[in-house]
Amino acid sequence: MTPTTKLAYRVHASPLSAGDKVPPSHWFFESVESKPGRKRIEDAFESARPDTKPSRSCCVFVFPVEADARSWICQKRSHYLYQVSVPDGGVLHEADWMWLNKSLGDSELAAAAKSYWDGAISGTLVREWMVSEATVVLEIVVPQSEREEWRKCRYGLPTTADYARRDVENG
């Protein structure tokens, strides 16, 4: 890392190598077209976007806090976690990602979108940076057991170890 970069964390669907540029999340925004609820949210956030901010659809999203990235990757079975470098001046917007995850009516959604673009904090802060570019520094391996334990704590889902214990107990 040079003195002109910041470290952040990227959860990504495909493998990357050290030195690779992280591609923008075009695939996510293309998939939104087939998900009416998600499209409604993204459309509201795009409508509320100030002219001085870039569209969410053309940016790279990273987490400035590793714990938040780990929480996100634990929801995804086959994704990868990377430490990335972001050049100084590369953070285009910093927001609380949780504004995007609230089930809201239209008027509340408009207020949530405004809060996101204003940089306001929701009740449960999960920071995301919209960045112009990010370069992979290294992969952080998140073992399947950690992902399963997180899902067990969050959703009460059994882990592979729970199934194995049950199989032994049931002979």
Protein backbone atom coordinates (compact mmCIF):
# COMPACT_ATOMS: atom_id res chain seq x y z
CA MET A 1 0.00 0.00 0.00
CA THR A 2 1.34 3.40 -0.90
CA PRO A 3 0.68 6.52 1.18
CA THR A 4 -1.86 7.63 -1.42
CA THR A 5 -4.28 4.74 -0.94
CA LYS A 6 -6.85 3.58 1.60
CA LEU A 7 -7.57 -0.04 2.47
CA ALA A 8 -11.09 -1.42 2.21
CA TYR A 9 -12.81 -4.78 1.73
CA ARG A 10 -14.69 -6.15 -1.26
CA VAL A 11 -17.06 -9.13 -1.39
CA HIS A 12 -17.01 -10.41 -4.95
CA ALA A 13 -18.79 -13.24 -6.79
CA SER A 14 -15.82 -14.38 -8.88
CA PRO A 15 -12.16 -15.04 -8.14
CA LEU A 16 -9.67 -12.18 -8.47
CA SER A 17 -5.91 -12.01 -8.01
CA ALA A 18 -3.61 -9.53 -6.31
CA GLY A 19 -3.18 -6.53 -8.61
CA ASP A 20 -6.52 -7.02 -10.40
CA LYS A 21 -8.85 -4.04 -10.75
CA VAL A 22 -12.24 -4.78 -9.22
CA PRO A 23 -14.92 -4.43 -11.89
CA PRO A 24 -18.01 -2.27 -11.25
CA SER A 25 -21.12 -4.11 -10.08
CA HIS A 26 -22.88 -4.02 -13.46
CA TRP A 27 -24.09 -7.63 -13.02
CA PHE A 28 -25.96 -6.65 -9.84
CA PHE A 29 -27.79 -3.79 -11.51
CA GLU A 30 -28.60 -5.94 -14.54
CA SER A 31 -30.08 -8.61 -12.24
CA VAL A 32 -32.22 -5.96 -10.50
CA GLU A 33 -34.40 -5.80 -13.63
CA SER A 34 -35.85 -9.23 -12.77
CA LYS A 35 -36.42 -8.40 -9.08
CA PRO A 36 -39.29 -5.91 -8.76
CA GLY A 37 -38.73 -5.16 -5.06
CA ARG A 38 -35.02 -4.52 -5.50
CA LYS A 39 -35.65 -2.49 -8.68
CA ARG A 40 -38.14 -0.29 -6.81
CA ILE A 41 -35.49 0.46 -4.18
CA GLU A 42 -32.70 1.16 -6.67
CA ASP A 43 -35.00 3.35 -8.77
CA ALA A 44 -35.95 5.39 -5.68
CA PHE A 45 -32.30 5.81 -4.72
CA GLU A 46 -31.38 6.84 -8.25
CA SER A 47 -34.23 9.38 -8.29
CA ALA A 48 -32.99 10.89 -5.03
CA ARG A 49 -29.34 10.99 -6.15
CA PRO A 50 -27.86 14.49 -6.06
CA ASP A 51 -26.37 15.70 -9.34
CA THR A 52 -22.99 15.89 -7.62
CA LYS A 53 -22.93 12.14 -6.91
CA PRO A 54 -22.32 9.31 -9.39
CA SER A 55 -24.96 6.71 -10.16
CA ARG A 56 -24.74 3.61 -7.99
CA SER A 57 -24.87 1.53 -11.19
CA CYS A 58 -21.40 2.60 -12.36
CA CYS A 59 -19.37 2.32 -9.15
CA VAL A 60 -17.41 -0.28 -7.25
CA PHE A 61 -18.75 -0.91 -3.75
CA VAL A 62 -16.44 -1.69 -0.85
CA PHE A 63 -16.69 -1.82 2.91
CA PRO A 64 -14.25 0.34 4.91
CA VAL A 65 -14.67 -2.04 7.89
CA GLU A 66 -13.61 -5.69 7.58
CA ALA A 67 -16.25 -6.91 10.07
CA ASP A 68 -19.02 -5.52 7.84
CA ALA A 69 -17.55 -7.27 4.81
CA ARG A 70 -17.30 -10.53 6.77
CA SER A 71 -20.94 -10.19 7.80
CA TRP A 72 -21.94 -9.76 4.15
CA ILE A 73 -19.82 -12.64 2.85
CA CYS A 74 -21.24 -14.98 5.46
CA GLN A 75 -24.60 -14.57 3.71
CA LYS A 76 -23.03 -15.73 0.45
CA ARG A 77 -21.83 -19.33 0.19
CA SER A 78 -19.53 -19.01 -2.82
CA HIS A 79 -18.29 -15.41 -2.76
CA TYR A 80 -14.76 -14.22 -2.10
CA LEU A 81 -13.47 -11.57 0.31
CA TYR A 82 -10.64 -9.28 -0.74
CA GLN A 83 -8.65 -6.54 0.90
CA VAL A 84 -8.44 -3.79 -1.71
CA SER A 85 -6.71 -0.48 -2.09
CA VAL A 86 -8.62 2.63 -3.08
CA PRO A 87 -6.69 5.65 -4.36
CA ASP A 88 -6.96 8.89 -2.43
CA GLY A 89 -9.86 10.79 -3.91
CA GLY A 90 -11.37 7.50 -5.08
CA VAL A 91 -14.15 7.46 -2.47
CA LEU A 92 -17.03 9.07 -4.35
CA HIS A 93 -19.65 8.61 -1.62
CA GLU A 94 -19.78 7.14 1.87
CA ALA A 95 -23.16 5.92 3.05
CA ASP A 96 -24.94 3.62 5.46
CA TRP A 97 -25.79 0.56 3.37
CA MET A 98 -28.62 -0.38 5.74
CA TRP A 99 -30.84 2.32 4.19
CA LEU A 100 -31.07 0.02 1.15
CA ASN A 101 -32.30 -2.91 3.21
CA LYS A 102 -35.39 -1.54 4.88
CA SER A 103 -38.88 -2.67 3.85
CA LEU A 104 -40.56 0.65 3.31
CA GLY A 105 -43.58 2.25 1.72
CA ASP A 106 -43.04 4.83 -1.01
CA SER A 107 -42.84 7.90 1.25
CA GLU A 108 -40.50 6.15 3.69
CA LEU A 109 -38.41 4.87 0.79
CA ALA A 110 -37.93 8.41 -0.51
CA ALA A 111 -36.81 9.51 2.97
CA ALA A 112 -34.43 6.53 3.24
CA ALA A 113 -32.94 7.37 -0.17
CA LYS A 114 -32.40 10.98 0.90
CA SER A 115 -30.78 9.80 4.15
CA TYR A 116 -28.47 7.49 2.17
CA TRP A 117 -27.28 10.31 -0.07
CA ASP A 118 -27.00 12.71 2.90
CA GLY A 119 -24.70 10.23 4.65
CA ALA A 120 -27.06 9.85 7.60
CA ILE A 121 -26.80 6.84 9.89
CA SER A 122 -29.68 4.37 10.14
CA GLY A 123 -30.31 2.46 13.35
CA THR A 124 -27.74 -0.19 12.39
CA LEU A 125 -24.67 1.29 10.74
CA VAL A 126 -23.01 -0.66 7.92
CA ARG A 127 -20.74 1.72 5.99
CA GLU A 128 -20.19 1.31 2.27
CA TRP A 129 -17.97 3.33 0.02
CA MET A 130 -18.85 3.95 -3.59
CA VAL A 131 -15.44 4.16 -5.24
CA SER A 132 -14.10 5.00 -8.67
CA GLU A 133 -11.71 2.05 -8.59
CA ALA A 134 -10.25 -0.57 -6.29
CA THR A 135 -7.28 -2.89 -6.71
CA VAL A 136 -7.02 -6.28 -5.04
CA VAL A 137 -4.27 -6.45 -2.42
CA LEU A 138 -5.00 -9.96 -1.13
CA GLU A 139 -7.74 -12.53 -0.64
CA ILE A 140 -9.02 -13.07 2.90
CA VAL A 141 -10.14 -16.66 3.25
CA VAL A 142 -13.36 -16.98 5.23
CA PRO A 143 -13.78 -20.65 6.20
CA GLN A 144 -17.12 -22.30 5.54
CA SER A 145 -17.39 -23.00 9.28
CA GLU A 146 -17.29 -19.24 10.02
CA ARG A 147 -19.94 -18.58 7.39
CA GLU A 148 -22.16 -21.30 8.83
CA GLU A 149 -21.73 -20.10 12.42
CA TRP A 150 -22.69 -16.59 11.35
CA ARG A 151 -25.83 -17.86 9.59
CA LYS A 152 -26.66 -19.99 12.64
CA CYS A 153 -26.39 -16.99 14.97
CA ARG A 154 -28.25 -14.68 12.59
CA TYR A 155 -30.94 -16.98 11.22
CA GLY A 156 -30.87 -20.07 13.43
CA LEU A 157 -29.79 -22.27 10.52
CA PRO A 158 -27.99 -25.53 11.36
CA THR A 159 -24.31 -25.90 10.48
CA THR A 160 -22.63 -28.87 8.83
CA ALA A 161 -21.31 -29.79 12.31
CA ASP A 162 -24.89 -29.73 13.66
CA TYR A 163 -26.00 -32.15 10.94
CA ALA A 164 -23.03 -34.43 11.64
CA ARG A 165 -23.81 -34.43 15.39
CA ARG A 166 -27.45 -35.23 14.68
CA ASP A 167 -26.45 -38.08 12.36
CA VAL A 168 -24.19 -39.57 15.07
CA GLU A 169 -26.89 -39.19 17.72
CA ASN A 170 -29.48 -40.84 15.49
CA GLY A 171 -27.08 -43.68 14.63
